[in-house]
Amino acid sequence: MLDWSEMALPTRPGALRYTYDEYAALPDDGRRWQLIDGELEVNPAPSSRHQTVSRRLQFELMKQLEEPNIALIFNAPFDVILSEHDVVQPDIAVVKVGREHVVSERGLEGPPDIAIEILSPSTRTLDRRVKMVTYARFGVPEYWLVDPELGHIELHRASSTGAFELTQRFDRASTLTTPSFPELSVDLAHAFRR
């Protein structure tokens, strides 16, 4: 096992990629690390606005899906292990009851039913491009991109080709619903209020 405490992150020549074991050995330095296609990614701490919107959405999901035993709700930092070379930390992950076998002590070992990312200036490109492709590649059926500044949520669903398609955009005056969980109804005016 590598001892990360005494060295800077090594560069990898050519096709060498980091593995889950190397990722898991990273020191707890307070940063949010992710592993995408064997490349380490780090993000700064989220803003207070990001955290407020994330917390409000998580509260609604817990109240409407977890409390009635419909789904499990996880929030970052929480590893979603998609492969030996892909470990992400969505802001919120939703797993339907009946799929608890994918939850382990290490994290979620497989795709969630919904991955939710709250956009930040520092993560916008990563969330909208890189992670969207990664989630689609590993069979995540639904992906939400939440923009706390503009006050909208894009709901993307996996298409027959495996890529995500934008199926609906909800603004701050909308009520979010999804075919994945017909019982879910989130008033976004509350989630996005200042």
C-alpha atoms as a PDB file:
ATOM      1  CA  MET A   1       0.000   0.000   0.000  1.00  0.00           C
ATOM      2  CA  LEU A   2       1.295   3.472  -0.829  1.00  0.00           C
ATOM      3  CA  ASP A   3       2.133   5.904   1.971  1.00  0.00           C
ATOM      4  CA  TRP A   4       0.659   9.181   0.732  1.00  0.00           C
ATOM      5  CA  SER A   5       1.464  11.068   3.917  1.00  0.00           C
ATOM      6  CA  GLU A   6       5.106  11.677   3.005  1.00  0.00           C
ATOM      7  CA  MET A   7       4.858  12.481  -0.694  1.00  0.00           C
ATOM      8  CA  ALA A   8       3.080  14.592  -3.234  1.00  0.00           C
ATOM      9  CA  LEU A   9       0.747  12.774  -5.578  1.00  0.00           C
ATOM     10  CA  PRO A  10       2.871  10.938  -8.111  1.00  0.00           C
ATOM     11  CA  THR A  11       2.353  11.490 -11.802  1.00  0.00           C
ATOM     12  CA  ARG A  12       1.517   8.478 -13.882  1.00  0.00           C
ATOM     13  CA  PRO A  13       3.263   7.948 -17.207  1.00  0.00           C
ATOM     14  CA  GLY A  14       1.331   6.665 -20.190  1.00  0.00           C
ATOM     15  CA  ALA A  15      -1.584   4.375 -19.587  1.00  0.00           C
ATOM     16  CA  LEU A  16      -0.997   3.687 -15.881  1.00  0.00           C
ATOM     17  CA  ARG A  17      -4.130   4.441 -13.913  1.00  0.00           C
ATOM     18  CA  TYR A  18      -4.826   4.749 -10.209  1.00  0.00           C
ATOM     19  CA  THR A  19      -6.782   1.928  -8.600  1.00  0.00           C
ATOM     20  CA  TYR A  20      -9.376   1.838  -5.858  1.00  0.00           C
ATOM     21  CA  ASP A  21      -6.756   0.627  -3.344  1.00  0.00           C
ATOM     22  CA  GLU A  22      -4.505   3.609  -4.097  1.00  0.00           C
ATOM     23  CA  TYR A  23      -7.497   5.945  -3.897  1.00  0.00           C
ATOM     24  CA  ALA A  24      -8.539   4.436  -0.546  1.00  0.00           C
ATOM     25  CA  ALA A  25      -4.988   5.007   0.780  1.00  0.00           C
ATOM     26  CA  LEU A  26      -5.128   8.777   0.191  1.00  0.00           C
ATOM     27  CA  PRO A  27      -4.726  10.728   3.423  1.00  0.00           C
ATOM     28  CA  ASP A  28      -7.763  12.348   4.968  1.00  0.00           C
ATOM     29  CA  ASP A  29      -6.759  15.892   4.059  1.00  0.00           C
ATOM     30  CA  GLY A  30     -10.259  17.368   4.126  1.00  0.00           C
ATOM     31  CA  ARG A  31     -10.503  17.472   0.346  1.00  0.00           C
ATOM     32  CA  ARG A  32     -13.044  15.591  -1.744  1.00  0.00           C
ATOM     33  CA  TRP A  33     -11.142  13.151  -3.962  1.00  0.00           C
ATOM     34  CA  GLN A  34     -12.683  11.146  -6.797  1.00  0.00           C
ATOM     35  CA  LEU A  35     -11.253   8.627  -9.262  1.00  0.00           C
ATOM     36  CA  ILE A  36     -12.489   8.849 -12.842  1.00  0.00           C
ATOM     37  CA  ASP A  37     -11.058   6.478 -15.432  1.00  0.00           C
ATOM     38  CA  GLY A  38      -8.005   6.031 -13.235  1.00  0.00           C
ATOM     39  CA  GLU A  39      -7.321   9.769 -12.879  1.00  0.00           C
ATOM     40  CA  LEU A  40      -7.511  11.477  -9.492  1.00  0.00           C
ATOM     41  CA  GLU A  41      -9.780  14.533  -9.285  1.00  0.00           C
ATOM     42  CA  VAL A  42     -10.019  16.858  -6.304  1.00  0.00           C
ATOM     43  CA  ASN A  43     -12.589  19.535  -5.613  1.00  0.00           C
ATOM     44  CA  PRO A  44     -12.549  22.416  -3.158  1.00  0.00           C
ATOM     45  CA  ALA A  45     -15.097  22.453  -0.363  1.00  0.00           C
ATOM     46  CA  PRO A  46     -18.572  23.353  -1.631  1.00  0.00           C
ATOM     47  CA  SER A  47     -20.005  26.830  -1.077  1.00  0.00           C
ATOM     48  CA  SER A  48     -22.639  27.552   1.543  1.00  0.00           C
ATOM     49  CA  ARG A  49     -25.270  27.975  -1.222  1.00  0.00           C
ATOM     50  CA  HIS A  50     -24.330  24.587  -2.681  1.00  0.00           C
ATOM     51  CA  GLN A  51     -24.614  22.953   0.739  1.00  0.00           C
ATOM     52  CA  THR A  52     -27.926  24.639   1.549  1.00  0.00           C
ATOM     53  CA  VAL A  53     -29.598  23.447  -1.664  1.00  0.00           C
ATOM     54  CA  SER A  54     -28.061  19.981  -1.275  1.00  0.00           C
ATOM     55  CA  ARG A  55     -29.286  19.701   2.326  1.00  0.00           C
ATOM     56  CA  ARG A  56     -32.829  20.805   1.398  1.00  0.00           C
ATOM     57  CA  LEU A  57     -33.056  18.300  -1.460  1.00  0.00           C
ATOM     58  CA  GLN A  58     -31.652  15.557   0.741  1.00  0.00           C
ATOM     59  CA  PHE A  59     -34.211  16.377   3.437  1.00  0.00           C
ATOM     60  CA  GLU A  60     -37.092  16.055   0.953  1.00  0.00           C
ATOM     61  CA  LEU A  61     -35.702  12.804  -0.456  1.00  0.00           C
ATOM     62  CA  MET A  62     -35.265  11.359   3.018  1.00  0.00           C
ATOM     63  CA  LYS A  63     -38.742  12.435   4.087  1.00  0.00           C
ATOM     64  CA  GLN A  64     -40.497  11.173   0.948  1.00  0.00           C
ATOM     65  CA  LEU A  65     -38.389   8.144  -0.008  1.00  0.00           C
ATOM     66  CA  GLU A  66     -36.269   6.929   2.909  1.00  0.00           C
ATOM     67  CA  GLU A  67     -38.762   7.347   5.761  1.00  0.00           C
ATOM     68  CA  PRO A  68     -41.495   5.330   3.959  1.00  0.00           C
ATOM     69  CA  ASN A  69     -38.850   2.687   3.077  1.00  0.00           C
ATOM     70  CA  ILE A  70     -38.875   3.290  -0.684  1.00  0.00           C
ATOM     71  CA  ALA A  71     -35.200   4.190  -1.137  1.00  0.00           C
ATOM     72  CA  LEU A  72     -31.941   4.806   0.699  1.00  0.00           C
ATOM     73  CA  ILE A  73     -30.418   8.295   0.480  1.00  0.00           C
ATOM     74  CA  PHE A  74     -26.670   8.927   0.742  1.00  0.00           C
ATOM     75  CA  ASN A  75     -24.827  12.239   0.680  1.00  0.00           C
ATOM     76  CA  ALA A  76     -21.206  13.153   0.008  1.00  0.00           C
ATOM     77  CA  PRO A  77     -18.675  12.326   1.078  1.00  0.00           C
ATOM     78  CA  PHE A  78     -19.735   8.782   0.218  1.00  0.00           C
ATOM     79  CA  ASP A  79     -17.884   6.581  -2.288  1.00  0.00           C
ATOM     80  CA  VAL A  80     -19.782   5.199  -5.250  1.00  0.00           C
ATOM     81  CA  ILE A  81     -17.458   2.494  -6.551  1.00  0.00           C
ATOM     82  CA  LEU A  82     -18.275   1.899 -10.207  1.00  0.00           C
ATOM     83  CA  SER A  83     -15.072  -0.007 -11.073  1.00  0.00           C
ATOM     84  CA  GLU A  84     -11.491  -0.489  -9.916  1.00  0.00           C
ATOM     85  CA  HIS A  85     -10.655   2.797 -11.686  1.00  0.00           C
ATOM     86  CA  ASP A  86     -13.876   4.788 -11.135  1.00  0.00           C
ATOM     87  CA  VAL A  87     -14.881   6.010  -7.677  1.00  0.00           C
ATOM     88  CA  VAL A  88     -17.106   9.081  -7.549  1.00  0.00           C
ATOM     89  CA  GLN A  89     -18.833  11.034  -4.822  1.00  0.00           C
ATOM     90  CA  PRO A  90     -22.137  12.407  -6.058  1.00  0.00           C
ATOM     91  CA  ASP A  91     -23.623  15.075  -3.835  1.00  0.00           C
ATOM     92  CA  ILE A  92     -26.616  12.770  -3.311  1.00  0.00           C
ATOM     93  CA  ALA A  93     -27.159   9.143  -4.350  1.00  0.00           C
ATOM     94  CA  VAL A  94     -30.532   7.365  -4.293  1.00  0.00           C
ATOM     95  CA  VAL A  95     -30.789   3.564  -4.127  1.00  0.00           C
ATOM     96  CA  LYS A  96     -34.142   1.788  -4.367  1.00  0.00           C
ATOM     97  CA  VAL A  97     -35.106  -0.543  -1.543  1.00  0.00           C
ATOM     98  CA  GLY A  98     -34.450  -4.061  -2.801  1.00  0.00           C
ATOM     99  CA  ARG A  99     -30.968  -3.092  -4.018  1.00  0.00           C
ATOM    100  CA  GLU A 100     -29.384  -2.880  -0.545  1.00  0.00           C
ATOM    101  CA  HIS A 101     -26.900  -5.559  -1.629  1.00  0.00           C
ATOM    102  CA  VAL A 102     -24.898  -2.822  -3.427  1.00  0.00           C
ATOM    103  CA  VAL A 103     -24.305  -0.984  -0.130  1.00  0.00           C
ATOM    104  CA  SER A 104     -21.153  -2.077   1.724  1.00  0.00           C
ATOM    105  CA  GLU A 105     -18.803  -0.713   4.353  1.00  0.00           C
ATOM    106  CA  ARG A 106     -16.691   0.753   1.522  1.00  0.00           C
ATOM    107  CA  GLY A 107     -19.648   2.650   0.053  1.00  0.00           C
ATOM    108  CA  LEU A 108     -22.014   1.962  -2.809  1.00  0.00           C
ATOM    109  CA  GLU A 109     -20.577  -0.806  -4.985  1.00  0.00           C
ATOM    110  CA  GLY A 110     -22.421  -0.221  -8.215  1.00  0.00           C
ATOM    111  CA  PRO A 111     -24.573   2.431  -9.813  1.00  0.00           C
ATOM    112  CA  PRO A 112     -27.184   4.308  -7.780  1.00  0.00           C
ATOM    113  CA  ASP A 113     -30.703   4.606  -9.175  1.00  0.00           C
ATOM    114  CA  ILE A 114     -30.298   8.385  -9.199  1.00  0.00           C
ATOM    115  CA  ALA A 115     -27.045  10.345  -9.025  1.00  0.00           C
ATOM    116  CA  ILE A 116     -27.440  14.013  -8.117  1.00  0.00           C
ATOM    117  CA  GLU A 117     -24.747  16.640  -8.601  1.00  0.00           C
ATOM    118  CA  ILE A 118     -25.060  20.217  -7.349  1.00  0.00           C
ATOM    119  CA  LEU A 119     -23.161  22.455  -9.789  1.00  0.00           C
ATOM    120  CA  SER A 120     -20.421  24.751  -8.497  1.00  0.00           C
ATOM    121  CA  PRO A 121     -18.164  27.026 -10.533  1.00  0.00           C
ATOM    122  CA  SER A 122     -15.265  24.655  -9.861  1.00  0.00           C
ATOM    123  CA  THR A 123     -17.195  21.450 -10.721  1.00  0.00           C
ATOM    124  CA  ARG A 124     -19.522  22.592 -13.545  1.00  0.00           C
ATOM    125  CA  THR A 125     -17.460  21.086 -16.389  1.00  0.00           C
ATOM    126  CA  LEU A 126     -16.624  17.930 -14.448  1.00  0.00           C
ATOM    127  CA  ASP A 127     -20.284  17.328 -13.491  1.00  0.00           C
ATOM    128  CA  ARG A 128     -21.797  18.273 -16.864  1.00  0.00           C
ATOM    129  CA  ARG A 129     -19.349  16.428 -19.084  1.00  0.00           C
ATOM    130  CA  VAL A 130     -16.964  13.973 -17.446  1.00  0.00           C
ATOM    131  CA  LYS A 131     -19.186  12.621 -14.688  1.00  0.00           C
ATOM    132  CA  MET A 132     -22.261  12.540 -16.929  1.00  0.00           C
ATOM    133  CA  VAL A 133     -20.415  10.269 -19.369  1.00  0.00           C
ATOM    134  CA  THR A 134     -19.054   8.169 -16.490  1.00  0.00           C
ATOM    135  CA  TYR A 135     -22.486   7.702 -14.906  1.00  0.00           C
ATOM    136  CA  ALA A 136     -23.983   6.755 -18.277  1.00  0.00           C
ATOM    137  CA  ARG A 137     -21.148   4.323 -19.006  1.00  0.00           C
ATOM    138  CA  PHE A 138     -21.822   2.460 -15.757  1.00  0.00           C
ATOM    139  CA  GLY A 139     -25.602   2.273 -16.176  1.00  0.00           C
ATOM    140  CA  VAL A 140     -26.924   4.935 -13.808  1.00  0.00           C
ATOM    141  CA  PRO A 141     -30.562   5.247 -14.957  1.00  0.00           C
ATOM    142  CA  GLU A 142     -31.133   8.851 -13.880  1.00  0.00           C
ATOM    143  CA  TYR A 143     -28.902  11.886 -13.353  1.00  0.00           C
ATOM    144  CA  TRP A 144     -29.895  15.257 -11.912  1.00  0.00           C
ATOM    145  CA  LEU A 145     -27.858  18.392 -12.475  1.00  0.00           C
ATOM    146  CA  VAL A 146     -28.844  21.011  -9.923  1.00  0.00           C
ATOM    147  CA  ASP A 147     -27.909  24.643 -10.528  1.00  0.00           C
ATOM    148  CA  PRO A 148     -28.282  26.491  -7.206  1.00  0.00           C
ATOM    149  CA  GLU A 149     -27.498  29.885  -8.734  1.00  0.00           C
ATOM    150  CA  LEU A 150     -29.959  29.730 -11.647  1.00  0.00           C
ATOM    151  CA  GLY A 151     -32.482  27.786  -9.572  1.00  0.00           C
ATOM    152  CA  HIS A 152     -33.192  24.841 -11.837  1.00  0.00           C
ATOM    153  CA  ILE A 153     -32.751  21.087 -12.025  1.00  0.00           C
ATOM    154  CA  GLU A 154     -32.115  19.158 -15.224  1.00  0.00           C
ATOM    155  CA  LEU A 155     -33.402  15.592 -15.119  1.00  0.00           C
ATOM    156  CA  HIS A 156     -31.460  13.301 -17.471  1.00  0.00           C
ATOM    157  CA  ARG A 157     -32.530   9.707 -18.088  1.00  0.00           C
ATOM    158  CA  ALA A 158     -30.624   6.898 -19.767  1.00  0.00           C
ATOM    159  CA  SER A 159     -31.726   6.360 -23.360  1.00  0.00           C
ATOM    160  CA  SER A 160     -31.766   3.123 -25.355  1.00  0.00           C
ATOM    161  CA  THR A 161     -28.243   4.005 -26.572  1.00  0.00           C
ATOM    162  CA  GLY A 162     -26.974   4.205 -22.984  1.00  0.00           C
ATOM    163  CA  ALA A 163     -26.314   7.951 -23.158  1.00  0.00           C
ATOM    164  CA  PHE A 164     -28.286  10.409 -21.039  1.00  0.00           C
ATOM    165  CA  GLU A 165     -31.052  12.487 -22.573  1.00  0.00           C
ATOM    166  CA  LEU A 166     -32.401  15.635 -20.966  1.00  0.00           C
ATOM    167  CA  THR A 167     -36.026  14.712 -20.328  1.00  0.00           C
ATOM    168  CA  GLN A 168     -37.152  17.643 -18.222  1.00  0.00           C
ATOM    169  CA  ARG A 169     -35.962  20.916 -16.702  1.00  0.00           C
ATOM    170  CA  PHE A 170     -37.579  22.169 -13.529  1.00  0.00           C
ATOM    171  CA  ASP A 171     -37.235  25.813 -12.487  1.00  0.00           C
ATOM    172  CA  ARG A 172     -37.584  27.258  -8.992  1.00  0.00           C
ATOM    173  CA  ALA A 173     -41.342  27.673  -9.481  1.00  0.00           C
ATOM    174  CA  SER A 174     -41.812  23.983 -10.391  1.00  0.00           C
ATOM    175  CA  THR A 175     -42.555  20.809  -8.528  1.00  0.00           C
ATOM    176  CA  LEU A 176     -39.992  18.139  -9.337  1.00  0.00           C
ATOM    177  CA  THR A 177     -41.350  14.687 -10.186  1.00  0.00           C
ATOM    178  CA  THR A 178     -39.712  11.654 -11.745  1.00  0.00           C
ATOM    179  CA  PRO A 179     -40.973   8.387 -13.251  1.00  0.00           C
ATOM    180  CA  SER A 180     -38.294   6.574 -11.204  1.00  0.00           C
ATOM    181  CA  PHE A 181     -40.233   7.404  -8.028  1.00  0.00           C
ATOM    182  CA  PRO A 182     -43.864   8.383  -8.788  1.00  0.00           C
ATOM    183  CA  GLU A 183     -44.446   9.152  -5.101  1.00  0.00           C
ATOM    184  CA  LEU A 184     -41.802  11.910  -5.102  1.00  0.00           C
ATOM    185  CA  SER A 185     -42.926  15.544  -5.346  1.00  0.00           C
ATOM    186  CA  VAL A 186     -40.420  18.265  -4.419  1.00  0.00           C
ATOM    187  CA  ASP A 187     -41.440  21.929  -4.213  1.00  0.00           C
ATOM    188  CA  LEU A 188     -38.403  23.673  -5.681  1.00  0.00           C
ATOM    189  CA  ALA A 189     -39.426  27.129  -4.449  1.00  0.00           C
ATOM    190  CA  HIS A 190     -38.525  25.852  -0.988  1.00  0.00           C
ATOM    191  CA  ALA A 191     -35.312  24.102  -2.113  1.00  0.00           C
ATOM    192  CA  PHE A 192     -34.001  27.182  -3.923  1.00  0.00           C
ATOM    193  CA  ARG A 193     -35.217  29.908  -1.560  1.00  0.00           C
ATOM    194  CA  ARG A 194     -32.509  32.344  -0.430  1.00  0.00           C
END
